[in-house]
């Protein structure tokens, strides 16, 4: 019987410095803590919730690593992206960028003004583009490879009524992920997206809710997800073990996307048409 040769040892070692945007709560906070648990110093950003960012920083420091905190307003572009440079300078470099900061709407296209449309795209797509560009420049200069991980959504892959700019931004970020994966591969920088479904976070109005207590009959696993379940996938993608994974989208949704035609065929009224 033929034997399988072991994988070559990764000479670059594990990443040591990460920046997670939007890490004052929810998925971003859980990701920052997960990366800290793996030995990464972490740059934490917030928009308005400075206290939330400091809580995340405390949890990071409790794991024996460094935390640096900055405000990041992705409605102020391109200026705000310089925060990535500031964090890279304080941490001594950047090996991992997680683009998690985001916003959304619950409004129909015909009721939406252009400013609302542009604000969501600015934060969710333009911001991720600029932060990725800044982080990649540091990774290329250091010559040690790196990881860029974009938090998209199941709406990278499927639409939702009342979420036009959010869906457009997340689908665009999914495509940007693939282009970056191709362009940055020569520098040993991998780029992937993680696409959560409904996760119990402040963004979904479920802060401090145990998802195991919430019933979701339309989701095969029957419940929302926990932010830590998304963070675990992000943390994996940041490790040397994921060194041959790039340009992929990892869906973390309890099977929600599998239900498309199945769930559609079971609807008994038009309530789905409302945001």
C-alpha atoms as a PDB file:
ATOM      1  CA  UNK A   1       0.000   0.000   0.000  1.00  0.00           C
ATOM      2  CA  UNK A   2       1.315   3.428  -0.914  1.00  0.00           C
ATOM      3  CA  UNK A   3       2.154   5.765   1.926  1.00  0.00           C
ATOM      4  CA  UNK A   4       1.189   9.431   2.033  1.00  0.00           C
ATOM      5  CA  UNK A   5       4.074  11.787   2.611  1.00  0.00           C
ATOM      6  CA  UNK A   6       3.618  14.203   5.501  1.00  0.00           C
ATOM      7  CA  UNK A   7       3.006  17.863   4.745  1.00  0.00           C
ATOM      8  CA  UNK A   8       6.192  19.948   4.732  1.00  0.00           C
ATOM      9  CA  UNK A   9       6.796  21.879   7.923  1.00  0.00           C
ATOM     10  CA  UNK A  10       5.639  25.497   7.698  1.00  0.00           C
ATOM     11  CA  UNK A  11       8.827  27.516   8.162  1.00  0.00           C
ATOM     12  CA  UNK A  12       6.964  30.773   8.561  1.00  0.00           C
ATOM     13  CA  UNK A  13       5.239  29.707  11.778  1.00  0.00           C
ATOM     14  CA  UNK A  14       1.931  30.948  13.123  1.00  0.00           C
ATOM     15  CA  UNK A  15       0.763  34.527  12.626  1.00  0.00           C
ATOM     16  CA  UNK A  16       1.569  36.813  15.538  1.00  0.00           C
ATOM     17  CA  UNK A  17      -0.277  40.088  14.835  1.00  0.00           C
ATOM     18  CA  UNK A  18      -3.889  40.519  13.746  1.00  0.00           C
ATOM     19  CA  UNK A  19      -6.284  43.419  13.198  1.00  0.00           C
ATOM     20  CA  UNK A  20     -10.018  42.799  13.506  1.00  0.00           C
ATOM     21  CA  UNK A  21     -12.278  45.664  12.438  1.00  0.00           C
ATOM     22  CA  UNK A  22     -15.603  46.078  14.192  1.00  0.00           C
ATOM     23  CA  UNK A  23     -14.382  44.058  17.176  1.00  0.00           C
ATOM     24  CA  UNK A  24     -16.250  45.951  19.890  1.00  0.00           C
ATOM     25  CA  UNK A  25     -19.019  43.314  19.953  1.00  0.00           C
ATOM     26  CA  UNK A  26     -20.513  40.276  18.255  1.00  0.00           C
ATOM     27  CA  UNK A  27     -18.557  38.295  15.686  1.00  0.00           C
ATOM     28  CA  UNK A  28     -15.674  40.777  15.677  1.00  0.00           C
ATOM     29  CA  UNK A  29     -15.183  40.575  19.433  1.00  0.00           C
ATOM     30  CA  UNK A  30     -15.378  36.772  19.430  1.00  0.00           C
ATOM     31  CA  UNK A  31     -12.846  36.655  16.582  1.00  0.00           C
ATOM     32  CA  UNK A  32     -10.404  38.960  18.374  1.00  0.00           C
ATOM     33  CA  UNK A  33     -10.553  36.761  21.471  1.00  0.00           C
ATOM     34  CA  UNK A  34     -10.175  33.563  19.433  1.00  0.00           C
ATOM     35  CA  UNK A  35      -7.078  34.899  17.665  1.00  0.00           C
ATOM     36  CA  UNK A  36      -5.650  36.027  21.005  1.00  0.00           C
ATOM     37  CA  UNK A  37      -6.156  32.504  22.286  1.00  0.00           C
ATOM     38  CA  UNK A  38      -3.924  31.333  19.455  1.00  0.00           C
ATOM     39  CA  UNK A  39      -1.145  33.697  20.518  1.00  0.00           C
ATOM     40  CA  UNK A  40      -1.860  36.716  18.318  1.00  0.00           C
ATOM     41  CA  UNK A  41      -1.492  40.297  19.445  1.00  0.00           C
ATOM     42  CA  UNK A  42      -4.702  41.980  18.290  1.00  0.00           C
ATOM     43  CA  UNK A  43      -5.651  45.398  16.959  1.00  0.00           C
ATOM     44  CA  UNK A  44      -9.262  46.173  17.881  1.00  0.00           C
ATOM     45  CA  UNK A  45     -11.410  48.801  16.186  1.00  0.00           C
ATOM     46  CA  UNK A  46     -14.763  50.346  17.034  1.00  0.00           C
ATOM     47  CA  UNK A  47     -17.051  52.945  15.500  1.00  0.00           C
ATOM     48  CA  UNK A  48     -19.044  54.294  18.478  1.00  0.00           C
ATOM     49  CA  UNK A  49     -18.837  51.676  21.233  1.00  0.00           C
ATOM     50  CA  UNK A  50     -15.501  52.443  22.866  1.00  0.00           C
ATOM     51  CA  UNK A  51     -16.503  50.642  26.063  1.00  0.00           C
ATOM     52  CA  UNK A  52     -17.265  47.510  24.056  1.00  0.00           C
ATOM     53  CA  UNK A  53     -13.848  47.733  22.412  1.00  0.00           C
ATOM     54  CA  UNK A  54     -12.174  48.053  25.814  1.00  0.00           C
ATOM     55  CA  UNK A  55     -14.055  44.975  27.044  1.00  0.00           C
ATOM     56  CA  UNK A  56     -12.736  43.050  24.048  1.00  0.00           C
ATOM     57  CA  UNK A  57      -9.247  44.379  24.712  1.00  0.00           C
ATOM     58  CA  UNK A  58      -9.416  43.181  28.304  1.00  0.00           C
ATOM     59  CA  UNK A  59     -10.371  39.664  27.191  1.00  0.00           C
ATOM     60  CA  UNK A  60      -7.498  39.706  24.693  1.00  0.00           C
ATOM     61  CA  UNK A  61      -4.997  40.781  27.344  1.00  0.00           C
ATOM     62  CA  UNK A  62      -6.253  38.091  29.722  1.00  0.00           C
ATOM     63  CA  UNK A  63      -4.874  35.596  27.192  1.00  0.00           C
ATOM     64  CA  UNK A  64      -1.376  36.947  27.637  1.00  0.00           C
ATOM     65  CA  UNK A  65      -1.057  39.000  24.462  1.00  0.00           C
ATOM     66  CA  UNK A  66      -1.144  42.665  23.474  1.00  0.00           C
ATOM     67  CA  UNK A  67      -4.291  44.581  22.550  1.00  0.00           C
ATOM     68  CA  UNK A  68      -4.308  47.938  20.740  1.00  0.00           C
ATOM     69  CA  UNK A  69      -7.559  49.909  20.333  1.00  0.00           C
ATOM     70  CA  UNK A  70      -8.486  52.521  17.715  1.00  0.00           C
ATOM     71  CA  UNK A  71     -11.654  54.203  16.501  1.00  0.00           C
ATOM     72  CA  UNK A  72     -12.447  53.416  12.869  1.00  0.00           C
ATOM     73  CA  UNK A  73     -15.202  55.334  11.082  1.00  0.00           C
ATOM     74  CA  UNK A  74     -15.688  53.704   7.696  1.00  0.00           C
ATOM     75  CA  UNK A  75     -18.049  56.478   6.599  1.00  0.00           C
ATOM     76  CA  UNK A  76     -14.957  58.738   6.525  1.00  0.00           C
ATOM     77  CA  UNK A  77     -13.080  57.240   3.591  1.00  0.00           C
ATOM     78  CA  UNK A  78     -10.364  57.020   2.449  1.00  0.00           C
ATOM     79  CA  UNK A  79      -8.939  58.847   5.490  1.00  0.00           C
ATOM     80  CA  UNK A  80     -10.136  56.344   8.110  1.00  0.00           C
ATOM     81  CA  UNK A  81      -8.198  53.440   6.580  1.00  0.00           C
ATOM     82  CA  UNK A  82      -4.990  54.958   7.953  1.00  0.00           C
ATOM     83  CA  UNK A  83      -5.995  53.310  11.247  1.00  0.00           C
ATOM     84  CA  UNK A  84      -4.664  50.043   9.774  1.00  0.00           C
ATOM     85  CA  UNK A  85      -1.243  51.681   9.436  1.00  0.00           C
ATOM     86  CA  UNK A  86      -1.430  52.955  13.017  1.00  0.00           C
ATOM     87  CA  UNK A  87      -2.251  49.516  14.388  1.00  0.00           C
ATOM     88  CA  UNK A  88       0.438  47.841  12.294  1.00  0.00           C
ATOM     89  CA  UNK A  89       2.968  50.312  13.701  1.00  0.00           C
ATOM     90  CA  UNK A  90       1.874  49.721  17.312  1.00  0.00           C
ATOM     91  CA  UNK A  91       1.804  45.925  16.953  1.00  0.00           C
ATOM     92  CA  UNK A  92       5.074  45.750  15.029  1.00  0.00           C
ATOM     93  CA  UNK A  93       3.433  44.537  11.819  1.00  0.00           C
ATOM     94  CA  UNK A  94       0.305  42.767  10.622  1.00  0.00           C
ATOM     95  CA  UNK A  95      -0.065  39.111   9.646  1.00  0.00           C
ATOM     96  CA  UNK A  96      -3.866  38.822   9.658  1.00  0.00           C
ATOM     97  CA  UNK A  97      -6.640  41.253   8.728  1.00  0.00           C
ATOM     98  CA  UNK A  98     -10.256  40.382   9.482  1.00  0.00           C
ATOM     99  CA  UNK A  99     -12.719  42.786   7.856  1.00  0.00           C
ATOM    100  CA  UNK A 100     -15.713  42.490  10.177  1.00  0.00           C
ATOM    101  CA  UNK A 101     -17.050  46.060  10.488  1.00  0.00           C
ATOM    102  CA  UNK A 102     -20.416  46.364   8.784  1.00  0.00           C
ATOM    103  CA  UNK A 103     -23.875  47.872   8.702  1.00  0.00           C
ATOM    104  CA  UNK A 104     -27.196  47.243   6.955  1.00  0.00           C
ATOM    105  CA  UNK A 105     -30.756  48.389   6.332  1.00  0.00           C
ATOM    106  CA  UNK A 106     -34.322  47.099   6.469  1.00  0.00           C
ATOM    107  CA  UNK A 107     -35.826  49.186   3.703  1.00  0.00           C
ATOM    108  CA  UNK A 108     -37.186  48.511   0.238  1.00  0.00           C
ATOM    109  CA  UNK A 109     -35.310  49.810  -2.790  1.00  0.00           C
ATOM    110  CA  UNK A 110     -38.198  52.065  -3.837  1.00  0.00           C
ATOM    111  CA  UNK A 111     -38.230  53.725  -0.403  1.00  0.00           C
ATOM    112  CA  UNK A 112     -34.461  54.207  -0.161  1.00  0.00           C
ATOM    113  CA  UNK A 113     -32.535  57.409  -0.776  1.00  0.00           C
ATOM    114  CA  UNK A 114     -29.132  57.430  -2.407  1.00  0.00           C
ATOM    115  CA  UNK A 115     -27.289  58.483   0.742  1.00  0.00           C
ATOM    116  CA  UNK A 116     -28.517  55.382   2.581  1.00  0.00           C
ATOM    117  CA  UNK A 117     -27.469  53.165  -0.337  1.00  0.00           C
ATOM    118  CA  UNK A 118     -24.014  54.733  -0.469  1.00  0.00           C
ATOM    119  CA  UNK A 119     -23.446  54.625   3.296  1.00  0.00           C
ATOM    120  CA  UNK A 120     -23.971  50.856   3.462  1.00  0.00           C
ATOM    121  CA  UNK A 121     -21.745  50.234   0.440  1.00  0.00           C
ATOM    122  CA  UNK A 122     -19.112  52.578   1.851  1.00  0.00           C
ATOM    123  CA  UNK A 123     -18.874  50.744   5.169  1.00  0.00           C
ATOM    124  CA  UNK A 124     -19.363  47.171   3.954  1.00  0.00           C
ATOM    125  CA  UNK A 125     -17.459  47.228   0.653  1.00  0.00           C
ATOM    126  CA  UNK A 126     -15.341  50.363   0.237  1.00  0.00           C
ATOM    127  CA  UNK A 127     -14.062  50.055   3.798  1.00  0.00           C
ATOM    128  CA  UNK A 128     -13.031  46.442   3.340  1.00  0.00           C
ATOM    129  CA  UNK A 129     -11.298  47.309   0.045  1.00  0.00           C
ATOM    130  CA  UNK A 130      -9.245  50.098   1.594  1.00  0.00           C
ATOM    131  CA  UNK A 131      -8.374  48.192   4.777  1.00  0.00           C
ATOM    132  CA  UNK A 132      -7.313  45.172   2.706  1.00  0.00           C
ATOM    133  CA  UNK A 133      -5.160  47.376   0.503  1.00  0.00           C
ATOM    134  CA  UNK A 134      -3.391  48.914   3.515  1.00  0.00           C
ATOM    135  CA  UNK A 135      -2.898  45.588   5.307  1.00  0.00           C
ATOM    136  CA  UNK A 136      -1.653  43.826   2.176  1.00  0.00           C
ATOM    137  CA  UNK A 137       0.952  46.557   1.638  1.00  0.00           C
ATOM    138  CA  UNK A 138       2.388  45.838   5.104  1.00  0.00           C
ATOM    139  CA  UNK A 139       2.341  42.074   4.481  1.00  0.00           C
ATOM    140  CA  UNK A 140       4.092  42.429   1.123  1.00  0.00           C
ATOM    141  CA  UNK A 141       6.760  44.696   2.579  1.00  0.00           C
ATOM    142  CA  UNK A 142       7.411  42.251   5.444  1.00  0.00           C
ATOM    143  CA  UNK A 143       7.730  39.348   2.978  1.00  0.00           C
ATOM    144  CA  UNK A 144       6.288  36.749   5.351  1.00  0.00           C
ATOM    145  CA  UNK A 145       2.904  36.123   3.736  1.00  0.00           C
ATOM    146  CA  UNK A 146      -0.365  36.786   5.497  1.00  0.00           C
ATOM    147  CA  UNK A 147      -4.088  36.259   5.768  1.00  0.00           C
ATOM    148  CA  UNK A 148      -7.036  38.469   4.829  1.00  0.00           C
ATOM    149  CA  UNK A 149     -10.426  37.172   5.952  1.00  0.00           C
ATOM    150  CA  UNK A 150     -13.608  39.021   4.976  1.00  0.00           C
ATOM    151  CA  UNK A 151     -16.773  38.552   7.016  1.00  0.00           C
ATOM    152  CA  UNK A 152     -19.543  38.607   4.435  1.00  0.00           C
ATOM    153  CA  UNK A 153     -22.927  36.937   5.044  1.00  0.00           C
ATOM    154  CA  UNK A 154     -25.171  34.285   3.567  1.00  0.00           C
ATOM    155  CA  UNK A 155     -26.288  37.316   1.553  1.00  0.00           C
ATOM    156  CA  UNK A 156     -22.995  37.077  -0.293  1.00  0.00           C
ATOM    157  CA  UNK A 157     -24.801  34.190  -1.976  1.00  0.00           C
ATOM    158  CA  UNK A 158     -28.567  34.806  -1.645  1.00  0.00           C
ATOM    159  CA  UNK A 159     -30.818  37.906  -1.563  1.00  0.00           C
ATOM    160  CA  UNK A 160     -33.197  39.225   1.092  1.00  0.00           C
ATOM    161  CA  UNK A 161     -36.090  41.660   0.786  1.00  0.00           C
ATOM    162  CA  UNK A 162     -35.244  45.022   2.356  1.00  0.00           C
ATOM    163  CA  UNK A 163     -31.483  44.520   2.229  1.00  0.00           C
ATOM    164  CA  UNK A 164     -30.481  45.678  -1.272  1.00  0.00           C
ATOM    165  CA  UNK A 165     -27.301  47.629  -0.403  1.00  0.00           C
ATOM    166  CA  UNK A 166     -26.232  45.037   2.166  1.00  0.00           C
ATOM    167  CA  UNK A 167     -26.670  42.183  -0.312  1.00  0.00           C
ATOM    168  CA  UNK A 168     -24.933  44.145  -3.067  1.00  0.00           C
ATOM    169  CA  UNK A 169     -22.017  44.986  -0.772  1.00  0.00           C
ATOM    170  CA  UNK A 170     -21.599  41.446   0.547  1.00  0.00           C
ATOM    171  CA  UNK A 171     -21.823  39.916  -2.937  1.00  0.00           C
ATOM    172  CA  UNK A 172     -19.284  42.482  -4.098  1.00  0.00           C
ATOM    173  CA  UNK A 173     -17.005  41.681  -1.166  1.00  0.00           C
ATOM    174  CA  UNK A 174     -17.243  37.997  -2.061  1.00  0.00           C
ATOM    175  CA  UNK A 175     -16.069  38.780  -5.597  1.00  0.00           C
ATOM    176  CA  UNK A 176     -13.359  41.121  -4.294  1.00  0.00           C
ATOM    177  CA  UNK A 177     -12.159  38.279  -2.067  1.00  0.00           C
ATOM    178  CA  UNK A 178     -11.589  36.103  -5.129  1.00  0.00           C
ATOM    179  CA  UNK A 179      -9.755  38.814  -7.055  1.00  0.00           C
ATOM    180  CA  UNK A 180      -7.507  39.574  -4.085  1.00  0.00           C
ATOM    181  CA  UNK A 181      -6.831  35.860  -3.667  1.00  0.00           C
ATOM    182  CA  UNK A 182      -5.540  35.725  -7.226  1.00  0.00           C
ATOM    183  CA  UNK A 183      -3.533  38.942  -7.093  1.00  0.00           C
ATOM    184  CA  UNK A 184      -1.928  38.400  -3.674  1.00  0.00           C
ATOM    185  CA  UNK A 185      -1.122  34.693  -4.021  1.00  0.00           C
ATOM    186  CA  UNK A 186       2.359  35.485  -5.365  1.00  0.00           C
ATOM    187  CA  UNK A 187       3.143  37.054  -1.968  1.00  0.00           C
ATOM    188  CA  UNK A 188       1.866  34.007  -0.037  1.00  0.00           C
ATOM    189  CA  UNK A 189      -1.132  36.014   1.180  1.00  0.00           C
ATOM    190  CA  UNK A 190      -4.360  34.032   1.251  1.00  0.00           C
ATOM    191  CA  UNK A 191      -7.760  35.735   1.052  1.00  0.00           C
ATOM    192  CA  UNK A 192     -11.025  34.062   2.029  1.00  0.00           C
ATOM    193  CA  UNK A 193     -14.510  35.011   3.150  1.00  0.00           C
ATOM    194  CA  UNK A 194     -16.642  33.681   5.983  1.00  0.00           C
ATOM    195  CA  UNK A 195     -20.387  33.966   5.367  1.00  0.00           C
ATOM    196  CA  UNK A 196     -22.513  33.748   8.536  1.00  0.00           C
ATOM    197  CA  UNK A 197     -26.231  33.155   8.673  1.00  0.00           C
ATOM    198  CA  UNK A 198     -28.291  34.417  11.603  1.00  0.00           C
ATOM    199  CA  UNK A 199     -25.938  34.804  14.555  1.00  0.00           C
ATOM    200  CA  UNK A 200     -26.998  35.871  18.068  1.00  0.00           C
ATOM    201  CA  UNK A 201     -25.312  39.294  18.212  1.00  0.00           C
ATOM    202  CA  UNK A 202     -26.316  42.923  18.839  1.00  0.00           C
ATOM    203  CA  UNK A 203     -26.695  43.392  15.061  1.00  0.00           C
ATOM    204  CA  UNK A 204     -29.556  40.862  15.018  1.00  0.00           C
ATOM    205  CA  UNK A 205     -31.053  42.191  18.258  1.00  0.00           C
ATOM    206  CA  UNK A 206     -29.927  39.126  20.222  1.00  0.00           C
ATOM    207  CA  UNK A 207     -27.147  40.405  22.465  1.00  0.00           C
ATOM    208  CA  UNK A 208     -26.398  37.940  25.286  1.00  0.00           C
ATOM    209  CA  UNK A 209     -29.007  35.490  23.957  1.00  0.00           C
ATOM    210  CA  UNK A 210     -28.154  31.776  24.155  1.00  0.00           C
ATOM    211  CA  UNK A 211     -28.872  30.607  20.586  1.00  0.00           C
ATOM    212  CA  UNK A 212     -29.685  27.123  21.877  1.00  0.00           C
ATOM    213  CA  UNK A 213     -32.840  28.587  23.447  1.00  0.00           C
ATOM    214  CA  UNK A 214     -34.089  30.098  20.168  1.00  0.00           C
ATOM    215  CA  UNK A 215     -36.181  28.043  17.740  1.00  0.00           C
ATOM    216  CA  UNK A 216     -35.624  28.450  13.995  1.00  0.00           C
ATOM    217  CA  UNK A 217     -37.718  25.825  12.172  1.00  0.00           C
ATOM    218  CA  UNK A 218     -36.473  27.049   8.771  1.00  0.00           C
ATOM    219  CA  UNK A 219     -32.838  26.273   9.651  1.00  0.00           C
ATOM    220  CA  UNK A 220     -31.821  22.595   9.524  1.00  0.00           C
ATOM    221  CA  UNK A 221     -29.900  22.859  12.800  1.00  0.00           C
ATOM    222  CA  UNK A 222     -32.978  24.513  14.290  1.00  0.00           C
ATOM    223  CA  UNK A 223     -31.344  27.556  15.944  1.00  0.00           C
ATOM    224  CA  UNK A 224     -29.289  30.694  15.304  1.00  0.00           C
ATOM    225  CA  UNK A 225     -25.522  30.491  15.570  1.00  0.00           C
ATOM    226  CA  UNK A 226     -23.153  31.762  18.239  1.00  0.00           C
ATOM    227  CA  UNK A 227     -20.483  34.344  17.429  1.00  0.00           C
ATOM    228  CA  UNK A 228     -17.845  31.909  18.719  1.00  0.00           C
ATOM    229  CA  UNK A 229     -18.889  29.396  16.038  1.00  0.00           C
ATOM    230  CA  UNK A 230     -18.046  31.944  13.339  1.00  0.00           C
ATOM    231  CA  UNK A 231     -14.851  32.997  15.110  1.00  0.00           C
ATOM    232  CA  UNK A 232     -13.639  29.393  15.167  1.00  0.00           C
ATOM    233  CA  UNK A 233     -13.746  29.240  11.357  1.00  0.00           C
ATOM    234  CA  UNK A 234     -11.949  32.575  11.064  1.00  0.00           C
ATOM    235  CA  UNK A 235      -9.283  31.405  13.516  1.00  0.00           C
ATOM    236  CA  UNK A 236      -8.714  28.256  11.459  1.00  0.00           C
ATOM    237  CA  UNK A 237      -8.249  30.288   8.274  1.00  0.00           C
ATOM    238  CA  UNK A 238      -5.593  32.342  10.083  1.00  0.00           C
ATOM    239  CA  UNK A 239      -3.456  29.301  10.916  1.00  0.00           C
ATOM    240  CA  UNK A 240      -0.642  27.660   8.913  1.00  0.00           C
ATOM    241  CA  UNK A 241      -2.957  24.638   8.551  1.00  0.00           C
ATOM    242  CA  UNK A 242      -5.069  26.713   6.130  1.00  0.00           C
ATOM    243  CA  UNK A 243      -2.089  27.773   4.048  1.00  0.00           C
ATOM    244  CA  UNK A 244      -3.432  26.163   0.850  1.00  0.00           C
ATOM    245  CA  UNK A 245      -6.937  27.635   1.175  1.00  0.00           C
ATOM    246  CA  UNK A 246      -7.591  30.825  -0.777  1.00  0.00           C
ATOM    247  CA  UNK A 247     -10.427  32.419  -2.724  1.00  0.00           C
ATOM    248  CA  UNK A 248     -13.045  30.387  -0.853  1.00  0.00           C
ATOM    249  CA  UNK A 249     -16.246  31.308   0.967  1.00  0.00           C
ATOM    250  CA  UNK A 250     -16.974  29.401   4.181  1.00  0.00           C
ATOM    251  CA  UNK A 251     -20.701  29.433   4.945  1.00  0.00           C
ATOM    252  CA  UNK A 252     -21.536  29.221   8.670  1.00  0.00           C
ATOM    253  CA  UNK A 253     -25.331  29.178   8.690  1.00  0.00           C
ATOM    254  CA  UNK A 254     -26.654  25.971  10.256  1.00  0.00           C
ATOM    255  CA  UNK A 255     -27.718  24.800   6.796  1.00  0.00           C
ATOM    256  CA  UNK A 256     -29.919  27.825   6.022  1.00  0.00           C
ATOM    257  CA  UNK A 257     -28.844  28.194   2.396  1.00  0.00           C
ATOM    258  CA  UNK A 258     -29.677  24.551   1.744  1.00  0.00           C
ATOM    259  CA  UNK A 259     -33.350  25.330   2.381  1.00  0.00           C
ATOM    260  CA  UNK A 260     -33.986  27.568  -0.653  1.00  0.00           C
ATOM    261  CA  UNK A 261     -36.545  25.653  -2.765  1.00  0.00           C
ATOM    262  CA  UNK A 262     -37.533  23.465   0.188  1.00  0.00           C
ATOM    263  CA  UNK A 263     -38.526  26.405   2.406  1.00  0.00           C
ATOM    264  CA  UNK A 264     -40.020  28.338  -0.514  1.00  0.00           C
ATOM    265  CA  UNK A 265     -42.339  25.470  -1.273  1.00  0.00           C
ATOM    266  CA  UNK A 266     -43.657  25.451   2.299  1.00  0.00           C
ATOM    267  CA  UNK A 267     -44.682  29.132   2.549  1.00  0.00           C
ATOM    268  CA  UNK A 268     -48.398  29.637   3.104  1.00  0.00           C
ATOM    269  CA  UNK A 269     -48.699  33.449   2.836  1.00  0.00           C
ATOM    270  CA  UNK A 270     -47.003  36.584   1.450  1.00  0.00           C
ATOM    271  CA  UNK A 271     -45.383  37.741   4.697  1.00  0.00           C
ATOM    272  CA  UNK A 272     -41.912  37.102   3.191  1.00  0.00           C
ATOM    273  CA  UNK A 273     -42.407  40.200   1.001  1.00  0.00           C
ATOM    274  CA  UNK A 274     -41.934  42.511   4.001  1.00  0.00           C
ATOM    275  CA  UNK A 275     -38.439  43.640   5.136  1.00  0.00           C
END
